[in-house]
Amino acid sequence: MILRGGRNAVNLKSVIRTLLLLSMIIPLAGSCIHEETPPPSGVVAKLRYVTKGLRSDMLRIADQTEHLAGTTAAVYARADSIIRSVNTNQYGMTDYGGYYKTFANDRAALWVSGAVPVDDAVRRVAWLTEGIDDELARVVGEFPEVAQAYYNERHSLNRIYPPFDVLAQYEPRMDITAFNFYYLADERHNPGRGPVWVGEPYVDPAGRGWMISSIAPVYVSNRVEGVVGLDITITKLVSRYISASKRNIMLVDQHGVIVAADEYLIDLLELPPLKEHRYMETIKGEQFLPDDYNLLKARTKQVREMAVQILHRKTPTVRFVARGRRFMVASESVEVLRWTAIIFEPLN
């Protein structure tokens, strides 16, 4: 049969063949198809191996954070005896009104930003917190995931291990209480008073790059005196949980931002390379990963559609096409961090 219309005559069989061909090609051009069927057992096992290890490690670190908070609260009760053993001559003032330990050696560094005037009461806190130096060093030594351990006190005082040049790294008069690794543990954000996770990657003011943290409040006489924290770098997350055999798995935070992924997946999804933060200047405020790494805001429509199916609609599996290859995409929640682990399993 032929439809006639002058020069626009069309062969119906040809139209049907073309439509059938397009129906096969269009999915391969970048669409995603959601499915209600669960992923194969092998894919589930690979994904759960990563999430189980991550949950276990993060729970252990949260327990250590809570223990550190208790240890820190206890030193306030022993302040007089601790201060008597402190060499206060190792502390000095900065030209901008801050306070620091001039000689850290292999002990924790101490810095008070000067955002709050340094008086005798603040200096006393600086000295008494030497009582947690051994505990800070122990946690870092025993837990390879932890890059640094610290106590941030409400007067913008920071005691941190391992030590570094705090005067060169920190911004003068920085208000430590304005950062998420402090205020997310305060009375308003954390009425339960237990350890909480800063699961959205941020730039570490101490110079370690992109970071997540386990933090816990330190209560003395029913008031928050400060917040302890244990930091994990994103670099460590990638090396520990996204090894060569699991390079098709990525970790995404609650907002859809990629936390950890191998370069293979970054290239597959046509995203900018994940790079360490370059410290061109001191950190003056909170800095987070840009929207370039948010799957829900990706430049390509098929990535956004896939992210919506996985993260919002909780679809068990999604068939996804990228760079001419077909993948089955599945996920599993990591509740302790409010993250999602996503696996891209090749189908051809």
C-alpha atoms as a PDB file:
ATOM      1  CA  MET A   1       0.000   0.000   0.000  1.00  0.00           C
ATOM      2  CA  ILE A   2       1.193   3.461  -0.891  1.00  0.00           C
ATOM      3  CA  LEU A   3      -0.064   6.728   0.550  1.00  0.00           C
ATOM      4  CA  ARG A   4      -0.074   9.291  -2.235  1.00  0.00           C
ATOM      5  CA  GLY A   5       0.373  12.991  -1.885  1.00  0.00           C
ATOM      6  CA  GLY A   6       2.284  14.217  -4.904  1.00  0.00           C
ATOM      7  CA  ARG A   7       5.981  14.474  -4.226  1.00  0.00           C
ATOM      8  CA  ASN A   8       5.319  13.426  -0.567  1.00  0.00           C
ATOM      9  CA  ALA A   9       4.112   9.925  -1.413  1.00  0.00           C
ATOM     10  CA  VAL A  10       5.045   7.458   1.346  1.00  0.00           C
ATOM     11  CA  ASN A  11       5.391   3.664   1.321  1.00  0.00           C
ATOM     12  CA  LEU A  12       3.524   2.375   4.410  1.00  0.00           C
ATOM     13  CA  LYS A  13       5.724  -0.712   4.787  1.00  0.00           C
ATOM     14  CA  SER A  14       8.772   1.546   4.784  1.00  0.00           C
ATOM     15  CA  VAL A  15       7.223   3.722   7.506  1.00  0.00           C
ATOM     16  CA  ILE A  16       6.493   0.699   9.696  1.00  0.00           C
ATOM     17  CA  ARG A  17      10.034  -0.636   9.272  1.00  0.00           C
ATOM     18  CA  THR A  18      11.431   2.807  10.180  1.00  0.00           C
ATOM     19  CA  LEU A  19       9.255   3.070  13.284  1.00  0.00           C
ATOM     20  CA  LEU A  20      10.299  -0.394  14.451  1.00  0.00           C
ATOM     21  CA  LEU A  21      13.936   0.476  13.903  1.00  0.00           C
ATOM     22  CA  LEU A  22      13.573   3.724  15.855  1.00  0.00           C
ATOM     23  CA  SER A  23      11.898   1.891  18.732  1.00  0.00           C
ATOM     24  CA  MET A  24      15.033  -0.232  19.015  1.00  0.00           C
ATOM     25  CA  ILE A  25      17.491   2.624  18.638  1.00  0.00           C
ATOM     26  CA  ILE A  26      15.945   5.281  20.897  1.00  0.00           C
ATOM     27  CA  PRO A  27      16.600   3.389  24.189  1.00  0.00           C
ATOM     28  CA  LEU A  28      20.217   3.015  23.162  1.00  0.00           C
ATOM     29  CA  ALA A  29      20.521   6.760  22.669  1.00  0.00           C
ATOM     30  CA  GLY A  30      20.432   7.422  26.393  1.00  0.00           C
ATOM     31  CA  SER A  31      17.058   6.679  27.974  1.00  0.00           C
ATOM     32  CA  CYS A  32      16.609   4.607  31.109  1.00  0.00           C
ATOM     33  CA  ILE A  33      13.918   2.009  31.767  1.00  0.00           C
ATOM     34  CA  HIS A  34      12.865   1.251  35.332  1.00  0.00           C
ATOM     35  CA  GLU A  35      11.988  -2.279  36.360  1.00  0.00           C
ATOM     36  CA  GLU A  36      10.256  -3.720  39.404  1.00  0.00           C
ATOM     37  CA  THR A  37      12.316  -6.903  39.314  1.00  0.00           C
ATOM     38  CA  PRO A  38      15.080  -7.285  41.919  1.00  0.00           C
ATOM     39  CA  PRO A  39      18.695  -7.382  40.750  1.00  0.00           C
ATOM     40  CA  PRO A  40      20.450 -10.759  40.345  1.00  0.00           C
ATOM     41  CA  SER A  41      21.946 -12.319  43.472  1.00  0.00           C
ATOM     42  CA  GLY A  42      25.522 -11.787  42.277  1.00  0.00           C
ATOM     43  CA  VAL A  43      24.981  -8.062  41.894  1.00  0.00           C
ATOM     44  CA  VAL A  44      23.288  -7.869  45.301  1.00  0.00           C
ATOM     45  CA  ALA A  45      26.187  -9.736  46.919  1.00  0.00           C
ATOM     46  CA  LYS A  46      28.771  -7.374  45.431  1.00  0.00           C
ATOM     47  CA  LEU A  47      26.804  -4.320  46.530  1.00  0.00           C
ATOM     48  CA  ARG A  48      26.160  -5.619  50.034  1.00  0.00           C
ATOM     49  CA  TYR A  49      29.806  -6.500  50.536  1.00  0.00           C
ATOM     50  CA  VAL A  50      30.598  -2.795  50.226  1.00  0.00           C
ATOM     51  CA  THR A  51      27.641  -1.504  52.250  1.00  0.00           C
ATOM     52  CA  LYS A  52      28.133  -4.032  55.049  1.00  0.00           C
ATOM     53  CA  GLY A  53      31.784  -3.040  55.459  1.00  0.00           C
ATOM     54  CA  LEU A  54      30.925   0.636  55.319  1.00  0.00           C
ATOM     55  CA  ARG A  55      28.171   0.325  57.934  1.00  0.00           C
ATOM     56  CA  SER A  56      30.404  -1.687  60.252  1.00  0.00           C
ATOM     57  CA  ASP A  57      33.320   0.751  60.021  1.00  0.00           C
ATOM     58  CA  MET A  58      31.151   3.835  60.448  1.00  0.00           C
ATOM     59  CA  LEU A  59      29.384   2.409  63.499  1.00  0.00           C
ATOM     60  CA  ARG A  60      32.741   1.631  65.115  1.00  0.00           C
ATOM     61  CA  ILE A  61      33.944   5.155  64.407  1.00  0.00           C
ATOM     62  CA  ALA A  62      30.725   6.636  65.819  1.00  0.00           C
ATOM     63  CA  ASP A  63      31.284   4.591  68.990  1.00  0.00           C
ATOM     64  CA  GLN A  64      34.814   5.986  69.246  1.00  0.00           C
ATOM     65  CA  THR A  65      33.480   9.505  68.790  1.00  0.00           C
ATOM     66  CA  GLU A  66      31.050   9.016  71.660  1.00  0.00           C
ATOM     67  CA  HIS A  67      33.858   7.620  73.805  1.00  0.00           C
ATOM     68  CA  LEU A  68      36.062  10.626  72.967  1.00  0.00           C
ATOM     69  CA  ALA A  69      33.241  12.969  73.964  1.00  0.00           C
ATOM     70  CA  GLY A  70      32.988  11.249  77.328  1.00  0.00           C
ATOM     71  CA  THR A  71      36.759  11.400  77.836  1.00  0.00           C
ATOM     72  CA  THR A  72      36.758  15.094  77.013  1.00  0.00           C
ATOM     73  CA  ALA A  73      33.900  15.876  79.388  1.00  0.00           C
ATOM     74  CA  ALA A  74      35.781  14.059  82.163  1.00  0.00           C
ATOM     75  CA  VAL A  75      38.898  16.250  81.890  1.00  0.00           C
ATOM     76  CA  TYR A  76      36.897  19.297  82.999  1.00  0.00           C
ATOM     77  CA  ALA A  77      36.407  17.628  86.376  1.00  0.00           C
ATOM     78  CA  ARG A  78      40.186  17.061  86.619  1.00  0.00           C
ATOM     79  CA  ALA A  79      41.160  20.510  85.349  1.00  0.00           C
ATOM     80  CA  ASP A  80      43.295  21.556  88.331  1.00  0.00           C
ATOM     81  CA  SER A  81      45.431  18.407  88.388  1.00  0.00           C
ATOM     82  CA  ILE A  82      45.899  18.451  84.592  1.00  0.00           C
ATOM     83  CA  ILE A  83      46.871  22.125  84.447  1.00  0.00           C
ATOM     84  CA  ARG A  84      49.482  21.672  87.179  1.00  0.00           C
ATOM     85  CA  SER A  85      51.401  19.326  84.845  1.00  0.00           C
ATOM     86  CA  VAL A  86      51.147  21.575  81.750  1.00  0.00           C
ATOM     87  CA  ASN A  87      54.118  23.603  80.566  1.00  0.00           C
ATOM     88  CA  THR A  88      52.246  26.821  79.876  1.00  0.00           C
ATOM     89  CA  ASN A  89      55.425  28.406  78.500  1.00  0.00           C
ATOM     90  CA  GLN A  90      54.784  26.388  75.315  1.00  0.00           C
ATOM     91  CA  TYR A  91      51.745  28.560  74.594  1.00  0.00           C
ATOM     92  CA  GLY A  92      51.671  32.056  73.174  1.00  0.00           C
ATOM     93  CA  MET A  93      49.522  34.799  71.627  1.00  0.00           C
ATOM     94  CA  THR A  94      49.284  35.637  67.918  1.00  0.00           C
ATOM     95  CA  ASP A  95      49.415  39.164  66.536  1.00  0.00           C
ATOM     96  CA  TYR A  96      45.676  38.987  65.751  1.00  0.00           C
ATOM     97  CA  GLY A  97      44.641  38.006  69.280  1.00  0.00           C
ATOM     98  CA  GLY A  98      44.652  34.237  68.878  1.00  0.00           C
ATOM     99  CA  TYR A  99      46.341  31.689  71.117  1.00  0.00           C
ATOM    100  CA  TYR A 100      48.319  28.590  70.172  1.00  0.00           C
ATOM    101  CA  LYS A 101      50.758  25.962  71.313  1.00  0.00           C
ATOM    102  CA  THR A 102      54.169  26.994  70.064  1.00  0.00           C
ATOM    103  CA  PHE A 103      55.728  23.559  70.466  1.00  0.00           C
ATOM    104  CA  ALA A 104      53.547  20.553  69.607  1.00  0.00           C
ATOM    105  CA  ASN A 105      56.206  17.924  68.841  1.00  0.00           C
ATOM    106  CA  ASP A 106      54.279  14.628  68.507  1.00  0.00           C
ATOM    107  CA  ARG A 107      51.403  15.858  70.676  1.00  0.00           C
ATOM    108  CA  ALA A 108      48.208  17.537  69.493  1.00  0.00           C
ATOM    109  CA  ALA A 109      48.288  21.075  68.139  1.00  0.00           C
ATOM    110  CA  LEU A 110      46.255  23.781  69.877  1.00  0.00           C
ATOM    111  CA  TRP A 111      44.825  26.938  68.323  1.00  0.00           C
ATOM    112  CA  VAL A 112      42.312  29.527  69.483  1.00  0.00           C
ATOM    113  CA  SER A 113      41.163  31.662  66.567  1.00  0.00           C
ATOM    114  CA  GLY A 114      40.626  34.959  68.386  1.00  0.00           C
ATOM    115  CA  ALA A 115      36.998  35.177  67.224  1.00  0.00           C
ATOM    116  CA  VAL A 116      36.256  35.308  70.954  1.00  0.00           C
ATOM    117  CA  PRO A 117      38.682  37.346  73.116  1.00  0.00           C
ATOM    118  CA  VAL A 118      41.246  35.094  74.762  1.00  0.00           C
ATOM    119  CA  ASP A 119      41.079  35.611  78.520  1.00  0.00           C
ATOM    120  CA  ASP A 120      42.254  33.555  81.490  1.00  0.00           C
ATOM    121  CA  ALA A 121      39.215  31.263  81.280  1.00  0.00           C
ATOM    122  CA  VAL A 122      39.926  30.434  77.604  1.00  0.00           C
ATOM    123  CA  ARG A 123      43.613  29.845  78.319  1.00  0.00           C
ATOM    124  CA  ARG A 124      42.604  27.502  81.132  1.00  0.00           C
ATOM    125  CA  VAL A 125      40.516  25.437  78.690  1.00  0.00           C
ATOM    126  CA  ALA A 126      43.459  25.330  76.281  1.00  0.00           C
ATOM    127  CA  TRP A 127      45.647  23.885  79.016  1.00  0.00           C
ATOM    128  CA  LEU A 128      43.171  21.436  80.542  1.00  0.00           C
ATOM    129  CA  THR A 129      42.446  19.860  77.141  1.00  0.00           C
ATOM    130  CA  GLU A 130      45.982  18.495  77.095  1.00  0.00           C
ATOM    131  CA  GLY A 131      44.267  15.771  79.088  1.00  0.00           C
ATOM    132  CA  ILE A 132      42.799  14.306  75.857  1.00  0.00           C
ATOM    133  CA  ASP A 133      46.038  14.289  73.822  1.00  0.00           C
ATOM    134  CA  ASP A 134      46.667  10.582  74.415  1.00  0.00           C
ATOM    135  CA  GLU A 135      43.100   9.699  73.438  1.00  0.00           C
ATOM    136  CA  LEU A 136      43.291  11.717  70.200  1.00  0.00           C
ATOM    137  CA  ALA A 137      46.518   9.956  69.234  1.00  0.00           C
ATOM    138  CA  ARG A 138      45.133   6.530  70.155  1.00  0.00           C
ATOM    139  CA  VAL A 139      42.076   6.821  67.899  1.00  0.00           C
ATOM    140  CA  VAL A 140      44.105   7.968  64.895  1.00  0.00           C
ATOM    141  CA  GLY A 141      46.619   5.195  65.484  1.00  0.00           C
ATOM    142  CA  GLU A 142      44.065   2.401  65.862  1.00  0.00           C
ATOM    143  CA  PHE A 143      41.645   3.344  63.082  1.00  0.00           C
ATOM    144  CA  PRO A 144      43.246   3.674  59.633  1.00  0.00           C
ATOM    145  CA  GLU A 145      40.081   5.294  58.236  1.00  0.00           C
ATOM    146  CA  VAL A 146      40.448   8.267  60.597  1.00  0.00           C
ATOM    147  CA  ALA A 147      42.654  11.058  59.218  1.00  0.00           C
ATOM    148  CA  GLN A 148      42.507  13.276  62.295  1.00  0.00           C
ATOM    149  CA  ALA A 149      40.827  13.607  65.681  1.00  0.00           C
ATOM    150  CA  TYR A 150      39.988  16.867  67.433  1.00  0.00           C
ATOM    151  CA  TYR A 151      38.054  18.864  69.977  1.00  0.00           C
ATOM    152  CA  ASN A 152      36.427  22.154  68.957  1.00  0.00           C
ATOM    153  CA  GLU A 153      35.450  24.224  71.989  1.00  0.00           C
ATOM    154  CA  ARG A 154      32.740  26.928  72.017  1.00  0.00           C
ATOM    155  CA  HIS A 155      35.286  29.789  72.160  1.00  0.00           C
ATOM    156  CA  SER A 156      36.613  28.723  68.713  1.00  0.00           C
ATOM    157  CA  LEU A 157      39.374  26.650  70.292  1.00  0.00           C
ATOM    158  CA  ASN A 158      40.720  23.707  68.321  1.00  0.00           C
ATOM    159  CA  ARG A 159      42.867  20.874  69.703  1.00  0.00           C
ATOM    160  CA  ILE A 160      43.773  18.477  66.896  1.00  0.00           C
ATOM    161  CA  TYR A 161      45.946  15.433  66.171  1.00  0.00           C
ATOM    162  CA  PRO A 162      48.143  14.857  64.165  1.00  0.00           C
ATOM    163  CA  PRO A 163      49.694  18.305  64.682  1.00  0.00           C
ATOM    164  CA  PHE A 164      50.484  20.769  61.873  1.00  0.00           C
ATOM    165  CA  ASP A 165      51.293  24.468  61.427  1.00  0.00           C
ATOM    166  CA  VAL A 166      48.000  25.924  62.636  1.00  0.00           C
ATOM    167  CA  LEU A 167      49.080  29.538  62.107  1.00  0.00           C
ATOM    168  CA  ALA A 168      49.757  28.910  58.409  1.00  0.00           C
ATOM    169  CA  GLN A 169      46.642  26.813  57.804  1.00  0.00           C
ATOM    170  CA  TYR A 170      43.825  28.481  59.707  1.00  0.00           C
ATOM    171  CA  GLU A 171      42.041  31.745  58.939  1.00  0.00           C
ATOM    172  CA  PRO A 172      42.520  34.294  61.776  1.00  0.00           C
ATOM    173  CA  ARG A 173      39.411  34.884  63.913  1.00  0.00           C
ATOM    174  CA  MET A 174      37.568  31.993  62.261  1.00  0.00           C
ATOM    175  CA  ASP A 175      34.272  31.207  63.975  1.00  0.00           C
ATOM    176  CA  ILE A 176      34.493  27.450  64.395  1.00  0.00           C
ATOM    177  CA  THR A 177      30.938  27.228  65.719  1.00  0.00           C
ATOM    178  CA  ALA A 178      29.621  28.383  62.296  1.00  0.00           C
ATOM    179  CA  PHE A 179      30.804  25.177  60.585  1.00  0.00           C
ATOM    180  CA  ASN A 180      28.670  22.050  60.162  1.00  0.00           C
ATOM    181  CA  PHE A 181      31.225  19.907  61.995  1.00  0.00           C
ATOM    182  CA  TYR A 182      30.309  21.933  65.074  1.00  0.00           C
ATOM    183  CA  TYR A 183      26.701  23.121  64.899  1.00  0.00           C
ATOM    184  CA  LEU A 184      25.229  19.778  63.697  1.00  0.00           C
ATOM    185  CA  ALA A 185      26.016  18.427  67.173  1.00  0.00           C
ATOM    186  CA  ASP A 186      24.628  21.363  69.173  1.00  0.00           C
ATOM    187  CA  GLU A 187      21.462  21.429  71.290  1.00  0.00           C
ATOM    188  CA  ARG A 188      19.160  22.537  68.463  1.00  0.00           C
ATOM    189  CA  HIS A 189      20.412  20.156  65.758  1.00  0.00           C
ATOM    190  CA  ASN A 190      21.163  17.189  68.022  1.00  0.00           C
ATOM    191  CA  PRO A 191      18.782  17.083  70.993  1.00  0.00           C
ATOM    192  CA  GLY A 192      19.553  13.388  71.458  1.00  0.00           C
ATOM    193  CA  ARG A 193      23.155  14.333  72.420  1.00  0.00           C
ATOM    194  CA  GLY A 194      24.658  11.271  70.724  1.00  0.00           C
ATOM    195  CA  PRO A 195      27.191  11.019  67.876  1.00  0.00           C
ATOM    196  CA  VAL A 196      26.040  12.275  64.459  1.00  0.00           C
ATOM    197  CA  TRP A 197      27.517  12.100  60.982  1.00  0.00           C
ATOM    198  CA  VAL A 198      28.420  15.022  58.749  1.00  0.00           C
ATOM    199  CA  GLY A 199      27.743  12.961  55.639  1.00  0.00           C
ATOM    200  CA  GLU A 200      27.798  15.752  53.057  1.00  0.00           C
ATOM    201  CA  PRO A 201      31.432  16.163  51.897  1.00  0.00           C
ATOM    202  CA  TYR A 202      32.970  19.528  52.829  1.00  0.00           C
ATOM    203  CA  VAL A 203      36.377  21.176  52.500  1.00  0.00           C
ATOM    204  CA  ASP A 204      38.419  20.641  55.656  1.00  0.00           C
ATOM    205  CA  PRO A 205      39.802  23.930  57.076  1.00  0.00           C
ATOM    206  CA  ALA A 206      42.709  21.902  58.496  1.00  0.00           C
ATOM    207  CA  GLY A 207      44.025  21.150  55.009  1.00  0.00           C
ATOM    208  CA  ARG A 208      42.992  17.530  54.402  1.00  0.00           C
ATOM    209  CA  GLY A 209      40.746  18.179  51.408  1.00  0.00           C
ATOM    210  CA  TRP A 210      37.241  16.763  50.973  1.00  0.00           C
ATOM    211  CA  MET A 211      36.030  15.282  54.223  1.00  0.00           C
ATOM    212  CA  ILE A 212      33.177  13.673  56.142  1.00  0.00           C
ATOM    213  CA  SER A 213      33.072  13.571  59.935  1.00  0.00           C
ATOM    214  CA  SER A 214      31.662  11.763  62.923  1.00  0.00           C
ATOM    215  CA  ILE A 215      30.999  14.330  65.667  1.00  0.00           C
ATOM    216  CA  ALA A 216      29.564  14.339  69.189  1.00  0.00           C
ATOM    217  CA  PRO A 217      28.798  17.069  71.738  1.00  0.00           C
ATOM    218  CA  VAL A 218      30.685  17.472  74.995  1.00  0.00           C
ATOM    219  CA  TYR A 219      28.282  18.334  77.800  1.00  0.00           C
ATOM    220  CA  VAL A 220      29.544  19.735  81.105  1.00  0.00           C
ATOM    221  CA  SER A 221      26.976  20.751  83.737  1.00  0.00           C
ATOM    222  CA  ASN A 222      24.243  20.263  81.127  1.00  0.00           C
ATOM    223  CA  ARG A 223      25.801  22.754  78.675  1.00  0.00           C
ATOM    224  CA  VAL A 224      27.595  22.084  75.388  1.00  0.00           C
ATOM    225  CA  GLU A 225      31.203  23.104  75.961  1.00  0.00           C
ATOM    226  CA  GLY A 226      32.334  21.876  72.573  1.00  0.00           C
ATOM    227  CA  VAL A 227      32.235  19.147  69.943  1.00  0.00           C
ATOM    228  CA  VAL A 228      34.680  16.300  69.307  1.00  0.00           C
ATOM    229  CA  GLY A 229      35.191  14.906  65.830  1.00  0.00           C
ATOM    230  CA  LEU A 230      36.832  12.142  63.829  1.00  0.00           C
ATOM    231  CA  ASP A 231      37.486  12.911  60.151  1.00  0.00           C
ATOM    232  CA  ILE A 232      37.577  10.583  57.151  1.00  0.00           C
ATOM    233  CA  THR A 233      38.898  11.865  53.832  1.00  0.00           C
ATOM    234  CA  ILE A 234      37.081  11.123  50.594  1.00  0.00           C
ATOM    235  CA  THR A 235      40.378   9.829  49.212  1.00  0.00           C
ATOM    236  CA  LYS A 236      40.426   7.218  51.981  1.00  0.00           C
ATOM    237  CA  LEU A 237      36.810   6.252  51.274  1.00  0.00           C
ATOM    238  CA  VAL A 238      37.601   5.613  47.610  1.00  0.00           C
ATOM    239  CA  SER A 239      40.724   3.574  48.324  1.00  0.00           C
ATOM    240  CA  ARG A 240      39.065   1.539  51.077  1.00  0.00           C
ATOM    241  CA  TYR A 241      35.630   0.829  49.621  1.00  0.00           C
ATOM    242  CA  ILE A 242      35.882   1.426  45.865  1.00  0.00           C
ATOM    243  CA  SER A 243      38.788  -0.857  44.954  1.00  0.00           C
ATOM    244  CA  ALA A 244      39.652  -1.996  41.437  1.00  0.00           C
ATOM    245  CA  SER A 245      37.283  -4.980  41.655  1.00  0.00           C
ATOM    246  CA  LYS A 246      34.401  -2.714  42.702  1.00  0.00           C
ATOM    247  CA  ARG A 247      35.067   0.241  40.406  1.00  0.00           C
ATOM    248  CA  ASN A 248      31.480   0.049  39.119  1.00  0.00           C
ATOM    249  CA  ILE A 249      30.091   1.096  42.541  1.00  0.00           C
ATOM    250  CA  MET A 250      29.618   4.689  43.668  1.00  0.00           C
ATOM    251  CA  LEU A 251      28.498   6.272  46.935  1.00  0.00           C
ATOM    252  CA  VAL A 252      25.977   9.127  46.812  1.00  0.00           C
ATOM    253  CA  ASP A 253      24.784  11.340  49.673  1.00  0.00           C
ATOM    254  CA  GLN A 254      21.173  12.155  50.575  1.00  0.00           C
ATOM    255  CA  HIS A 255      21.109  15.106  48.156  1.00  0.00           C
ATOM    256  CA  GLY A 256      22.289  13.059  45.162  1.00  0.00           C
ATOM    257  CA  VAL A 257      25.885  14.308  45.320  1.00  0.00           C
ATOM    258  CA  ILE A 258      28.621  11.791  44.541  1.00  0.00           C
ATOM    259  CA  VAL A 259      30.700  11.114  47.641  1.00  0.00           C
ATOM    260  CA  ALA A 260      33.062   8.480  46.273  1.00  0.00           C
ATOM    261  CA  ALA A 261      33.502   6.966  42.819  1.00  0.00           C
ATOM    262  CA  ASP A 262      36.194   5.554  40.584  1.00  0.00           C
ATOM    263  CA  GLU A 263      37.255   7.572  37.533  1.00  0.00           C
ATOM    264  CA  TYR A 264      35.648   4.848  35.398  1.00  0.00           C
ATOM    265  CA  LEU A 265      32.126   5.802  36.529  1.00  0.00           C
ATOM    266  CA  ILE A 266      32.834   9.531  36.471  1.00  0.00           C
ATOM    267  CA  ASP A 267      33.818   9.221  32.806  1.00  0.00           C
ATOM    268  CA  LEU A 268      30.909   6.908  32.021  1.00  0.00           C
ATOM    269  CA  LEU A 269      28.393   9.465  33.324  1.00  0.00           C
ATOM    270  CA  GLU A 270      30.200  12.332  31.561  1.00  0.00           C
ATOM    271  CA  LEU A 271      30.896  14.205  34.798  1.00  0.00           C
ATOM    272  CA  PRO A 272      33.899  16.454  35.550  1.00  0.00           C
ATOM    273  CA  PRO A 273      36.880  14.615  37.100  1.00  0.00           C
ATOM    274  CA  LEU A 274      36.735  14.365  40.876  1.00  0.00           C
ATOM    275  CA  LYS A 275      39.761  16.292  42.151  1.00  0.00           C
ATOM    276  CA  GLU A 276      41.210  17.044  45.539  1.00  0.00           C
ATOM    277  CA  HIS A 277      40.608  20.560  46.791  1.00  0.00           C
ATOM    278  CA  ARG A 278      43.509  22.922  46.126  1.00  0.00           C
ATOM    279  CA  TYR A 279      44.162  25.264  49.021  1.00  0.00           C
ATOM    280  CA  MET A 280      44.870  28.561  47.289  1.00  0.00           C
ATOM    281  CA  GLU A 281      43.846  30.392  50.473  1.00  0.00           C
ATOM    282  CA  THR A 282      42.676  29.642  53.989  1.00  0.00           C
ATOM    283  CA  ILE A 283      39.097  28.412  54.447  1.00  0.00           C
ATOM    284  CA  LYS A 284      36.783  31.196  55.609  1.00  0.00           C
ATOM    285  CA  GLY A 285      33.452  29.343  55.549  1.00  0.00           C
ATOM    286  CA  GLU A 286      31.696  26.134  54.577  1.00  0.00           C
ATOM    287  CA  GLN A 287      32.489  24.776  51.108  1.00  0.00           C
ATOM    288  CA  PHE A 288      30.693  21.808  49.526  1.00  0.00           C
ATOM    289  CA  LEU A 289      30.924  19.852  46.292  1.00  0.00           C
ATOM    290  CA  PRO A 290      29.351  21.795  43.402  1.00  0.00           C
ATOM    291  CA  ASP A 291      26.200  20.753  41.548  1.00  0.00           C
ATOM    292  CA  ASP A 292      28.448  19.327  38.809  1.00  0.00           C
ATOM    293  CA  TYR A 293      28.593  16.163  40.960  1.00  0.00           C
ATOM    294  CA  ASN A 294      24.881  15.991  41.762  1.00  0.00           C
ATOM    295  CA  LEU A 295      23.290  13.142  39.789  1.00  0.00           C
ATOM    296  CA  LEU A 296      19.872  14.762  40.104  1.00  0.00           C
ATOM    297  CA  LYS A 297      21.234  17.884  38.394  1.00  0.00           C
ATOM    298  CA  ALA A 298      23.480  16.203  35.818  1.00  0.00           C
ATOM    299  CA  ARG A 299      23.894  17.776  32.381  1.00  0.00           C
ATOM    300  CA  THR A 300      22.579  14.692  30.600  1.00  0.00           C
ATOM    301  CA  LYS A 301      18.889  13.858  30.844  1.00  0.00           C
ATOM    302  CA  GLN A 302      19.395  10.090  31.067  1.00  0.00           C
ATOM    303  CA  VAL A 303      21.608  10.458  34.151  1.00  0.00           C
ATOM    304  CA  ARG A 304      18.994  12.665  35.837  1.00  0.00           C
ATOM    305  CA  GLU A 305      16.226  10.179  34.992  1.00  0.00           C
ATOM    306  CA  MET A 306      18.267   7.274  36.329  1.00  0.00           C
ATOM    307  CA  ALA A 307      19.014   9.187  39.561  1.00  0.00           C
ATOM    308  CA  VAL A 308      15.328   9.984  40.124  1.00  0.00           C
ATOM    309  CA  GLN A 309      14.372   6.327  39.677  1.00  0.00           C
ATOM    310  CA  ILE A 310      17.073   5.097  42.050  1.00  0.00           C
ATOM    311  CA  LEU A 311      17.141   7.829  44.707  1.00  0.00           C
ATOM    312  CA  HIS A 312      13.567   9.140  44.814  1.00  0.00           C
ATOM    313  CA  ARG A 313      11.347   6.345  43.543  1.00  0.00           C
ATOM    314  CA  LYS A 314      13.502   3.560  45.015  1.00  0.00           C
ATOM    315  CA  THR A 315      13.164   1.477  41.847  1.00  0.00           C
ATOM    316  CA  PRO A 316      14.880  -1.925  42.373  1.00  0.00           C
ATOM    317  CA  THR A 317      16.630  -1.946  38.986  1.00  0.00           C
ATOM    318  CA  VAL A 318      17.052   0.499  36.133  1.00  0.00           C
ATOM    319  CA  ARG A 319      18.260  -0.334  32.651  1.00  0.00           C
ATOM    320  CA  PHE A 320      20.615   2.458  31.671  1.00  0.00           C
ATOM    321  CA  VAL A 321      22.586   3.207  28.500  1.00  0.00           C
ATOM    322  CA  ALA A 322      25.768   5.258  28.468  1.00  0.00           C
ATOM    323  CA  ARG A 323      28.417   5.636  25.783  1.00  0.00           C
ATOM    324  CA  GLY A 324      26.741   2.917  23.696  1.00  0.00           C
ATOM    325  CA  ARG A 325      26.814   0.328  26.487  1.00  0.00           C
ATOM    326  CA  ARG A 326      23.870  -1.103  28.417  1.00  0.00           C
ATOM    327  CA  PHE A 327      23.930  -1.370  32.219  1.00  0.00           C
ATOM    328  CA  MET A 328      21.690  -2.634  34.950  1.00  0.00           C
ATOM    329  CA  VAL A 329      21.695  -0.120  37.819  1.00  0.00           C
ATOM    330  CA  ALA A 330      20.756  -1.181  41.358  1.00  0.00           C
ATOM    331  CA  SER A 331      21.204   0.369  44.785  1.00  0.00           C
ATOM    332  CA  GLU A 332      21.263  -0.181  48.531  1.00  0.00           C
ATOM    333  CA  SER A 333      20.927   2.329  51.377  1.00  0.00           C
ATOM    334  CA  VAL A 334      23.641   3.018  53.940  1.00  0.00           C
ATOM    335  CA  GLU A 335      21.323   4.344  56.643  1.00  0.00           C
ATOM    336  CA  VAL A 336      23.967   5.357  59.178  1.00  0.00           C
ATOM    337  CA  LEU A 337      25.272   7.989  56.729  1.00  0.00           C
ATOM    338  CA  ARG A 338      22.013   8.593  54.828  1.00  0.00           C
ATOM    339  CA  TRP A 339      23.865   7.531  51.667  1.00  0.00           C
ATOM    340  CA  THR A 340      23.055   5.244  48.764  1.00  0.00           C
ATOM    341  CA  ALA A 341      25.475   2.786  47.169  1.00  0.00           C
ATOM    342  CA  ILE A 342      24.801   2.406  43.438  1.00  0.00           C
ATOM    343  CA  ILE A 343      26.168  -0.332  41.197  1.00  0.00           C
ATOM    344  CA  PHE A 344      26.407  -0.182  37.399  1.00  0.00           C
ATOM    345  CA  GLU A 345      26.517  -3.786  36.144  1.00  0.00           C
ATOM    346  CA  PRO A 346      27.365  -4.172  32.413  1.00  0.00           C
ATOM    347  CA  LEU A 347      24.843  -6.112  30.335  1.00  0.00           C
ATOM    348  CA  ASN A 348      26.986  -6.444  27.200  1.00  0.00           C
END
